[in-house]
């Protein structure tokens, strides 16, 4: 299945791109997706959205989904 990925803010900088598209096996999760695009573990408190709705790393993906990764936000 084909999954579209978008990276935002510092995640875009660390990945070296703002978006990409990858092929995954059926029933893959967001965790499987991250393992395919990065050798590093997903940073703590990363926000994940699938088709513009926040979700978690265990979310099962479907063909055509769009996954967005947002870095943790701090303020003060």
C-alpha atoms as a PDB file:
ATOM      1  CA  UNK A   1       0.000   0.000   0.000  1.00  0.00           C
ATOM      2  CA  UNK A   2       1.112   3.565  -0.671  1.00  0.00           C
ATOM      3  CA  UNK A   3       1.394   6.030   2.243  1.00  0.00           C
ATOM      4  CA  UNK A   4       2.085   9.781   1.967  1.00  0.00           C
ATOM      5  CA  UNK A   5       4.203  11.329   4.739  1.00  0.00           C
ATOM      6  CA  UNK A   6       4.613  14.963   5.768  1.00  0.00           C
ATOM      7  CA  UNK A   7       7.275  16.219   8.189  1.00  0.00           C
ATOM      8  CA  UNK A   8       6.935  19.538  10.003  1.00  0.00           C
ATOM      9  CA  UNK A   9       9.282  22.018  11.719  1.00  0.00           C
ATOM     10  CA  UNK A  10      12.449  20.455  13.176  1.00  0.00           C
ATOM     11  CA  UNK A  11      11.398  16.991  11.967  1.00  0.00           C
ATOM     12  CA  UNK A  12      11.501  18.333   8.404  1.00  0.00           C
ATOM     13  CA  UNK A  13      15.051  19.560   9.063  1.00  0.00           C
ATOM     14  CA  UNK A  14      16.231  16.287  10.602  1.00  0.00           C
ATOM     15  CA  UNK A  15      14.665  14.169   7.826  1.00  0.00           C
ATOM     16  CA  UNK A  16      16.032  16.487   5.126  1.00  0.00           C
ATOM     17  CA  UNK A  17      12.674  16.730   3.335  1.00  0.00           C
ATOM     18  CA  UNK A  18       9.162  17.952   3.916  1.00  0.00           C
ATOM     19  CA  UNK A  19       7.346  14.969   2.425  1.00  0.00           C
ATOM     20  CA  UNK A  20       7.737  11.591   0.792  1.00  0.00           C
ATOM     21  CA  UNK A  21       5.726   8.585  -0.264  1.00  0.00           C
ATOM     22  CA  UNK A  22       6.498   4.988   0.758  1.00  0.00           C
ATOM     23  CA  UNK A  23       5.147   1.508   0.118  1.00  0.00           C
ATOM     24  CA  UNK A  24       4.204  -0.659   3.098  1.00  0.00           C
ATOM     25  CA  UNK A  25       2.692  -4.077   3.633  1.00  0.00           C
ATOM     26  CA  UNK A  26      -1.005  -4.344   4.475  1.00  0.00           C
ATOM     27  CA  UNK A  27      -1.916  -3.822   8.137  1.00  0.00           C
ATOM     28  CA  UNK A  28       1.271  -1.840   8.825  1.00  0.00           C
ATOM     29  CA  UNK A  29       1.176   0.596  11.733  1.00  0.00           C
ATOM     30  CA  UNK A  30       2.584   4.093  12.143  1.00  0.00           C
ATOM     31  CA  UNK A  31       5.420   2.435  14.078  1.00  0.00           C
ATOM     32  CA  UNK A  32       6.191   0.212  11.061  1.00  0.00           C
ATOM     33  CA  UNK A  33       6.142   3.282   8.840  1.00  0.00           C
ATOM     34  CA  UNK A  34       8.594   5.156  11.070  1.00  0.00           C
ATOM     35  CA  UNK A  35      10.897   2.115  11.104  1.00  0.00           C
ATOM     36  CA  UNK A  36      10.974   2.191   7.319  1.00  0.00           C
ATOM     37  CA  UNK A  37      11.853   5.890   7.005  1.00  0.00           C
ATOM     38  CA  UNK A  38      14.244   6.316   9.942  1.00  0.00           C
ATOM     39  CA  UNK A  39      16.955   4.343  11.715  1.00  0.00           C
ATOM     40  CA  UNK A  40      16.294   6.356  14.893  1.00  0.00           C
ATOM     41  CA  UNK A  41      13.459   5.822  17.328  1.00  0.00           C
ATOM     42  CA  UNK A  42      10.548   8.233  17.106  1.00  0.00           C
ATOM     43  CA  UNK A  43      11.245  11.156  19.470  1.00  0.00           C
ATOM     44  CA  UNK A  44       9.169  11.205  22.655  1.00  0.00           C
ATOM     45  CA  UNK A  45       6.033  13.307  22.533  1.00  0.00           C
ATOM     46  CA  UNK A  46       5.967  13.425  18.731  1.00  0.00           C
ATOM     47  CA  UNK A  47       2.485  14.276  17.524  1.00  0.00           C
ATOM     48  CA  UNK A  48       1.141  11.960  14.826  1.00  0.00           C
ATOM     49  CA  UNK A  49      -1.811  12.664  12.570  1.00  0.00           C
ATOM     50  CA  UNK A  50      -3.352  10.287  10.045  1.00  0.00           C
ATOM     51  CA  UNK A  51      -5.609  11.980   7.524  1.00  0.00           C
ATOM     52  CA  UNK A  52      -5.561  15.155   9.665  1.00  0.00           C
ATOM     53  CA  UNK A  53      -6.714  13.411  12.869  1.00  0.00           C
ATOM     54  CA  UNK A  54      -4.343  12.916  15.791  1.00  0.00           C
ATOM     55  CA  UNK A  55      -3.577   9.305  16.606  1.00  0.00           C
ATOM     56  CA  UNK A  56      -0.863   7.115  18.119  1.00  0.00           C
ATOM     57  CA  UNK A  57       2.042   5.002  16.945  1.00  0.00           C
ATOM     58  CA  UNK A  58      -0.078   1.821  16.984  1.00  0.00           C
ATOM     59  CA  UNK A  59      -2.610   3.140  14.453  1.00  0.00           C
ATOM     60  CA  UNK A  60      -3.122   0.655  11.584  1.00  0.00           C
ATOM     61  CA  UNK A  61      -2.701   2.351   8.214  1.00  0.00           C
ATOM     62  CA  UNK A  62      -4.723   1.923   5.031  1.00  0.00           C
ATOM     63  CA  UNK A  63      -3.739   2.434   1.413  1.00  0.00           C
ATOM     64  CA  UNK A  64      -3.726   6.122   0.530  1.00  0.00           C
ATOM     65  CA  UNK A  65      -3.413   7.415   4.101  1.00  0.00           C
ATOM     66  CA  UNK A  66      -1.485  10.620   4.771  1.00  0.00           C
ATOM     67  CA  UNK A  67       0.655  10.572   7.914  1.00  0.00           C
ATOM     68  CA  UNK A  68       2.043  13.772   9.432  1.00  0.00           C
ATOM     69  CA  UNK A  69       4.756  13.946  12.083  1.00  0.00           C
ATOM     70  CA  UNK A  70       5.031  17.048  14.293  1.00  0.00           C
ATOM     71  CA  UNK A  71       7.895  17.545  16.768  1.00  0.00           C
ATOM     72  CA  UNK A  72       7.154  18.096  20.446  1.00  0.00           C
ATOM     73  CA  UNK A  73       6.247  21.716  21.128  1.00  0.00           C
ATOM     74  CA  UNK A  74       7.638  23.610  24.085  1.00  0.00           C
ATOM     75  CA  UNK A  75       6.812  27.033  25.299  1.00  0.00           C
ATOM     76  CA  UNK A  76       7.554  29.322  28.100  1.00  0.00           C
END
